Amino acid sequence: MRPVTAVLSAVAIVLSLCAPASAAAAKTGPKSVVYVEVNDQSMTNVGKYTLAQGGAPVFDIAVIFAANINYDGSKAYLYFNPQVQSVLSNVATQVRPLQQKGIKVLLSVLGNHQGAGFANFPSQAAASAFAKQLSDAVATYGLDGIDFDDEYADYGTNGTGQPNASSFVYLVSALRTNLPSKLITFYSIGPSASRLSYNGVSVANTFDYAWNPWYGTWQVPAGPSARSKLSPAAVSYTDTSASTAASLATRTVNEGYGAYLTYNLTGTDSHTYISAFTRALYGSDAVYSG
């Protein structure tokens, strides 16, 4: 395994850092968010769904799942497995077409059983160094932001520290400084979810959005105070029934929440399932163009 920073400068030479987005069709209602497991699914599937009424993309935010926070024996570093690296090396075909439809594309970062996590940086400098790796990746690949998922870190492994009070606050604060106009979102789980403030500084409202991580349920996540930035609903295409997806979408609208989280979009035509929640969110069925 090699640190991502070793390949960033070379990739930057051959990749466009940004692409002009075409004007997206108008759509009102909560933001629809979709995670794609790129180990076995394509990001391009996200762009295949539009609303029957008006033609707007169903999804507003697509999340590449997932890069990792790894540990080299002395410090944390950002790591891309071969499938994630393939997506990023091919942003022209995997990411830019989505952005041109007005869909924001984020990189999710996840623990990797090595002891390094967002909640156990030993110093502010260490947290800031990792934040720099994240912001460099966003710049290099022309992405729209970072999503944090504090799972599978296995804190304490390899002699690493246990979660501390300051780490996540330092990390998120540094990343926001580096990415003042990009999205920073939070899959609200793990030790970081209960460590959003330190020494009088809170990063809860630094996040643009936060999501409930428990599929098929309704749970208000830790994060921003405004309902417009929260998704208490969470559904999985492979594990949550369409009736539950519809019910959670209806509740999202009725209670004034601003996001609706979905997970594990596959290459199968799922427009019937998706229509179950788009009717509640947007008053329209979904259309699939494979």
Protein backbone atom coordinates (compact mmCIF):
# COMPACT_ATOMS: atom_id res chain seq x y z
CA MET A 1 0.00 0.00 0.00
CA ARG A 2 1.28 3.47 -0.77
CA PRO A 3 0.23 6.88 0.52
CA VAL A 4 -2.08 8.75 -1.81
CA THR A 5 0.16 11.80 -1.61
CA ALA A 6 2.74 9.92 -3.64
CA VAL A 7 0.50 9.93 -6.69
CA LEU A 8 -1.32 13.24 -6.38
CA SER A 9 1.17 15.47 -8.13
CA ALA A 10 1.50 13.16 -11.13
CA VAL A 11 -2.24 12.84 -11.54
CA ALA A 12 -2.71 16.58 -11.28
CA ILE A 13 -0.72 17.04 -14.47
CA VAL A 14 -3.07 14.94 -16.57
CA LEU A 15 -6.44 15.55 -14.95
CA SER A 16 -8.60 18.62 -15.27
CA LEU A 17 -9.16 20.09 -11.83
CA CYS A 18 -12.67 21.19 -12.54
CA ALA A 19 -15.32 20.93 -15.19
CA PRO A 20 -18.06 23.38 -16.06
CA ALA A 21 -21.45 22.15 -14.91
CA SER A 22 -24.36 22.54 -17.25
CA ALA A 23 -27.45 24.14 -15.81
CA ALA A 24 -29.42 21.48 -13.98
CA ALA A 25 -33.17 21.25 -14.37
CA ALA A 26 -35.00 22.98 -11.54
CA LYS A 27 -36.02 20.83 -8.58
CA THR A 28 -37.31 21.75 -5.14
CA GLY A 29 -37.37 19.58 -2.05
CA PRO A 30 -34.84 17.73 0.13
CA LYS A 31 -31.43 16.87 -1.28
CA SER A 32 -31.24 13.24 -2.37
CA VAL A 33 -27.94 11.64 -1.39
CA VAL A 34 -26.57 8.36 -2.73
CA TYR A 35 -23.58 6.30 -1.64
CA VAL A 36 -22.01 4.07 -4.28
CA GLU A 37 -19.88 1.07 -3.25
CA VAL A 38 -17.29 1.51 -5.98
CA ASN A 39 -15.57 -1.78 -5.17
CA ASP A 40 -18.24 -3.39 -7.32
CA GLN A 41 -20.51 -0.64 -8.67
CA SER A 42 -20.07 2.29 -11.05
CA MET A 43 -20.52 5.95 -10.18
CA THR A 44 -22.09 6.42 -13.61
CA ASN A 45 -25.25 4.67 -12.36
CA VAL A 46 -26.08 7.82 -10.38
CA GLY A 47 -26.62 9.86 -13.53
CA LYS A 48 -29.11 7.44 -15.05
CA TYR A 49 -32.07 8.60 -12.94
CA THR A 50 -34.15 11.68 -13.61
CA LEU A 51 -37.56 12.91 -12.52
CA ALA A 52 -40.39 12.23 -14.94
CA GLN A 53 -41.71 15.74 -14.27
CA GLY A 54 -39.15 18.31 -15.31
CA GLY A 55 -36.23 15.99 -16.03
CA ALA A 56 -34.04 17.01 -13.09
CA PRO A 57 -31.53 14.46 -11.78
CA VAL A 58 -32.95 12.42 -8.92
CA PHE A 59 -29.70 12.69 -6.96
CA ASP A 60 -28.12 15.90 -5.76
CA ILE A 61 -25.10 14.44 -3.97
CA ALA A 62 -23.19 11.27 -4.90
CA VAL A 63 -20.62 9.79 -2.53
CA ILE A 64 -17.66 7.68 -3.64
CA PHE A 65 -17.47 4.91 -1.02
CA ALA A 66 -14.78 4.77 0.17
CA ALA A 67 -11.23 5.94 0.65
CA ASN A 68 -9.49 5.01 3.90
CA ILE A 69 -7.58 6.53 6.75
CA ASN A 70 -4.61 4.18 7.17
CA TYR A 71 -1.66 4.06 9.57
CA ASP A 72 2.01 3.68 8.61
CA GLY A 73 3.34 3.01 12.11
CA SER A 74 3.82 6.65 13.01
CA LYS A 75 1.07 8.67 11.38
CA ALA A 76 -2.26 8.48 9.54
CA TYR A 77 -2.39 8.79 5.78
CA LEU A 78 -5.06 8.81 3.08
CA TYR A 79 -5.28 5.60 1.08
CA PHE A 80 -7.18 4.66 -2.07
CA ASN A 81 -7.76 1.00 -2.82
CA PRO A 82 -7.47 0.02 -6.50
CA GLN A 83 -11.18 0.46 -7.19
CA VAL A 84 -11.33 3.94 -5.64
CA GLN A 85 -8.12 4.89 -7.43
CA SER A 86 -9.66 3.71 -10.70
CA VAL A 87 -12.65 6.02 -10.20
CA LEU A 88 -10.40 8.96 -9.43
CA SER A 89 -7.98 8.24 -12.25
CA ASN A 90 -10.97 8.17 -14.60
CA VAL A 91 -12.85 11.21 -13.33
CA ALA A 92 -13.46 12.29 -16.93
CA THR A 93 -15.89 9.40 -17.37
CA GLN A 94 -16.84 8.51 -13.76
CA VAL A 95 -17.28 11.92 -12.12
CA ARG A 96 -17.41 14.79 -14.61
CA PRO A 97 -20.63 13.59 -16.32
CA LEU A 98 -22.38 13.70 -12.94
CA GLN A 99 -21.02 17.14 -12.11
CA GLN A 100 -22.14 18.40 -15.51
CA LYS A 101 -25.68 17.39 -14.53
CA GLY A 102 -25.36 19.48 -11.36
CA ILE A 103 -24.67 16.50 -9.06
CA LYS A 104 -22.06 17.12 -6.36
CA VAL A 105 -19.54 14.29 -5.99
CA LEU A 106 -17.91 13.69 -2.60
CA LEU A 107 -15.20 11.32 -1.41
CA SER A 108 -16.09 9.32 1.68
CA VAL A 109 -13.24 8.48 4.05
CA LEU A 110 -13.51 5.41 6.28
CA GLY A 111 -11.42 3.61 8.88
CA ASN A 112 -9.46 0.54 7.79
CA HIS A 113 -8.87 -1.58 10.94
CA GLN A 114 -5.36 -0.14 11.41
CA GLY A 115 -5.95 2.00 14.50
CA ALA A 116 -5.97 5.37 12.74
CA GLY A 117 -9.23 7.30 12.90
CA PHE A 118 -10.61 10.81 12.93
CA ALA A 119 -10.92 10.80 16.71
CA ASN A 120 -7.38 9.89 17.81
CA PHE A 121 -4.97 12.34 16.20
CA PRO A 122 -2.38 12.99 18.91
CA SER A 123 -1.98 16.69 18.12
CA GLN A 124 -3.49 19.58 16.21
CA ALA A 125 -0.57 19.41 13.79
CA ALA A 126 -1.28 15.75 13.02
CA ALA A 127 -4.96 16.48 12.40
CA SER A 128 -4.07 19.41 10.15
CA ALA A 129 -1.63 17.26 8.17
CA PHE A 130 -4.35 14.74 7.39
CA ALA A 131 -6.79 17.53 6.53
CA LYS A 132 -4.22 18.74 4.01
CA GLN A 133 -4.14 15.30 2.37
CA LEU A 134 -7.93 15.40 2.09
CA SER A 135 -8.07 18.88 0.60
CA ASP A 136 -5.24 18.03 -1.81
CA ALA A 137 -7.25 15.04 -3.05
CA VAL A 138 -10.33 17.21 -3.58
CA ALA A 139 -8.27 19.72 -5.56
CA THR A 140 -6.36 17.14 -7.57
CA TYR A 141 -9.40 15.22 -8.71
CA GLY A 142 -11.83 18.12 -8.98
CA LEU A 143 -14.25 16.78 -6.37
CA ASP A 144 -16.93 18.68 -4.48
CA GLY A 145 -15.97 17.75 -0.94
CA ILE A 146 -15.32 15.15 1.76
CA ASP A 147 -17.63 12.87 3.73
CA PHE A 148 -16.49 11.50 7.11
CA ASP A 149 -17.46 7.97 8.22
CA ASP A 150 -15.94 7.01 11.58
CA GLU A 151 -16.28 3.24 11.32
CA TYR A 152 -13.78 0.38 11.33
CA ALA A 153 -10.88 2.40 12.75
CA ASP A 154 -10.22 -0.20 15.47
CA TYR A 155 -8.85 2.47 17.78
CA GLY A 156 -5.86 1.23 19.79
CA THR A 157 -4.66 -1.24 17.15
CA ASN A 158 -0.96 -1.00 16.24
CA GLY A 159 -0.25 1.02 19.35
CA THR A 160 -2.52 3.88 18.31
CA GLY A 161 -4.35 6.00 20.84
CA GLN A 162 -7.94 5.84 21.97
CA PRO A 163 -10.38 8.58 20.89
CA ASN A 164 -9.68 11.95 22.46
CA ALA A 165 -11.72 15.12 22.84
CA SER A 166 -9.79 17.41 20.49
CA SER A 167 -8.95 15.31 17.42
CA PHE A 168 -12.10 15.52 15.32
CA VAL A 169 -12.62 19.21 16.08
CA TYR A 170 -9.07 19.97 14.94
CA LEU A 171 -9.53 17.87 11.80
CA VAL A 172 -12.84 19.34 10.70
CA SER A 173 -11.76 22.89 11.52
CA ALA A 174 -8.58 22.51 9.45
CA LEU A 175 -10.45 20.96 6.53
CA ARG A 176 -12.98 23.79 6.49
CA THR A 177 -10.13 26.31 6.39
CA ASN A 178 -8.67 24.43 3.43
CA LEU A 179 -12.03 23.98 1.68
CA PRO A 180 -14.06 27.10 2.46
CA SER A 181 -16.53 26.59 -0.39
CA LYS A 182 -16.67 22.79 -0.69
CA LEU A 183 -19.05 20.37 1.01
CA ILE A 184 -18.06 18.65 4.25
CA THR A 185 -20.56 16.03 5.38
CA PHE A 186 -20.82 13.57 8.24
CA TYR A 187 -22.10 10.01 8.35
CA SER A 188 -22.98 10.40 12.02
CA ILE A 189 -21.47 7.36 13.65
CA GLY A 190 -18.56 6.28 15.82
CA PRO A 191 -16.58 8.11 18.51
CA SER A 192 -16.43 11.27 16.40
CA ALA A 193 -20.21 11.69 16.63
CA SER A 194 -19.96 12.47 20.34
CA ARG A 195 -16.85 14.64 20.01
CA LEU A 196 -18.03 17.64 17.99
CA SER A 197 -16.87 20.30 20.45
CA TYR A 198 -13.64 21.03 22.28
CA ASN A 199 -12.34 23.94 24.32
CA GLY A 200 -15.30 26.13 23.40
CA VAL A 201 -15.17 25.31 19.68
CA SER A 202 -17.97 23.32 18.05
CA VAL A 203 -17.82 21.93 14.52
CA ALA A 204 -21.44 20.76 14.50
CA ASN A 205 -22.48 23.60 12.22
CA THR A 206 -19.31 23.39 10.16
CA PHE A 207 -20.81 20.40 8.37
CA ASP A 208 -22.97 21.14 5.37
CA TYR A 209 -24.99 17.98 6.04
CA ALA A 210 -25.13 15.03 8.42
CA TRP A 211 -26.86 11.69 7.89
CA ASN A 212 -28.41 8.95 9.98
CA PRO A 213 -26.21 5.85 9.45
CA TRP A 214 -28.82 3.21 10.32
CA TYR A 215 -30.64 2.00 7.20
CA GLY A 216 -34.36 1.48 7.34
CA THR A 217 -34.70 3.74 10.39
CA TRP A 218 -35.45 7.31 11.40
CA GLN A 219 -32.89 8.93 13.71
CA VAL A 220 -31.86 12.57 13.89
CA PRO A 221 -28.06 12.59 13.47
CA ALA A 222 -25.51 14.56 15.45
CA GLY A 223 -24.43 17.54 13.40
CA PRO A 224 -25.84 20.86 12.23
CA SER A 225 -28.65 22.44 14.21
CA ALA A 226 -30.75 23.30 11.14
CA ARG A 227 -33.19 20.65 9.92
CA SER A 228 -32.37 21.70 6.37
CA LYS A 229 -28.91 20.15 6.81
CA LEU A 230 -29.97 16.82 8.28
CA SER A 231 -31.15 13.44 7.03
CA PRO A 232 -32.86 11.45 9.78
CA ALA A 233 -34.00 9.02 7.07
CA ALA A 234 -31.62 6.37 5.72
CA VAL A 235 -32.44 3.61 3.25
CA SER A 236 -30.50 0.85 1.53
CA TYR A 237 -31.52 -0.25 -1.94
CA THR A 238 -30.70 -3.84 -1.08
CA ASP A 239 -31.99 -4.00 2.51
CA THR A 240 -34.85 -1.51 2.95
CA SER A 241 -38.34 -2.10 1.58
CA ALA A 242 -39.85 0.35 -0.88
CA SER A 243 -42.73 0.98 1.50
CA THR A 244 -40.31 1.96 4.26
CA ALA A 245 -38.39 4.18 1.83
CA ALA A 246 -41.63 5.92 0.90
CA SER A 247 -42.70 6.33 4.52
CA LEU A 248 -39.35 7.83 5.51
CA ALA A 249 -39.46 10.20 2.55
CA THR A 250 -42.94 11.38 3.53
CA ARG A 251 -41.76 12.00 7.08
CA THR A 252 -38.71 13.90 5.76
CA VAL A 253 -40.98 16.31 3.93
CA ASN A 254 -43.63 16.58 6.64
CA GLU A 255 -41.07 17.37 9.34
CA GLY A 256 -39.08 19.82 7.24
CA TYR A 257 -35.75 18.01 6.93
CA GLY A 258 -33.46 18.92 4.06
CA ALA A 259 -31.79 15.68 3.02
CA TYR A 260 -32.66 12.06 2.30
CA LEU A 261 -29.90 9.43 2.42
CA THR A 262 -29.72 6.33 0.25
CA TYR A 263 -27.05 3.65 0.10
CA ASN A 264 -25.68 0.99 -2.26
CA LEU A 265 -27.08 1.97 -5.64
CA THR A 266 -26.33 -0.87 -8.05
CA GLY A 267 -26.34 -1.20 -11.82
CA THR A 268 -29.80 -2.77 -11.80
CA ASP A 269 -32.70 -0.62 -13.00
CA SER A 270 -34.11 0.60 -9.69
CA HIS A 271 -36.51 3.29 -10.93
CA THR A 272 -39.55 1.58 -9.41
CA TYR A 273 -37.95 1.56 -5.97
CA ILE A 274 -36.62 5.10 -6.40
CA SER A 275 -40.05 6.32 -7.50
CA ALA A 276 -41.40 5.20 -4.13
CA PHE A 277 -39.42 7.96 -2.44
CA THR A 278 -39.26 10.55 -5.24
CA ARG A 279 -43.07 10.74 -5.30
CA ALA A 280 -42.97 11.79 -1.65
CA LEU A 281 -39.93 14.06 -1.98
CA TYR A 282 -40.67 15.71 -5.33
CA GLY A 283 -44.15 14.69 -6.47
CA SER A 284 -42.76 12.77 -9.43
CA ASP A 285 -41.84 9.27 -10.49
CA ALA A 286 -38.25 8.48 -11.42
CA VAL A 287 -37.14 7.55 -14.94
CA TYR A 288 -34.20 5.26 -15.74
CA SER A 289 -32.05 5.72 -18.83
CA GLY A 290 -29.67 2.81 -18.95
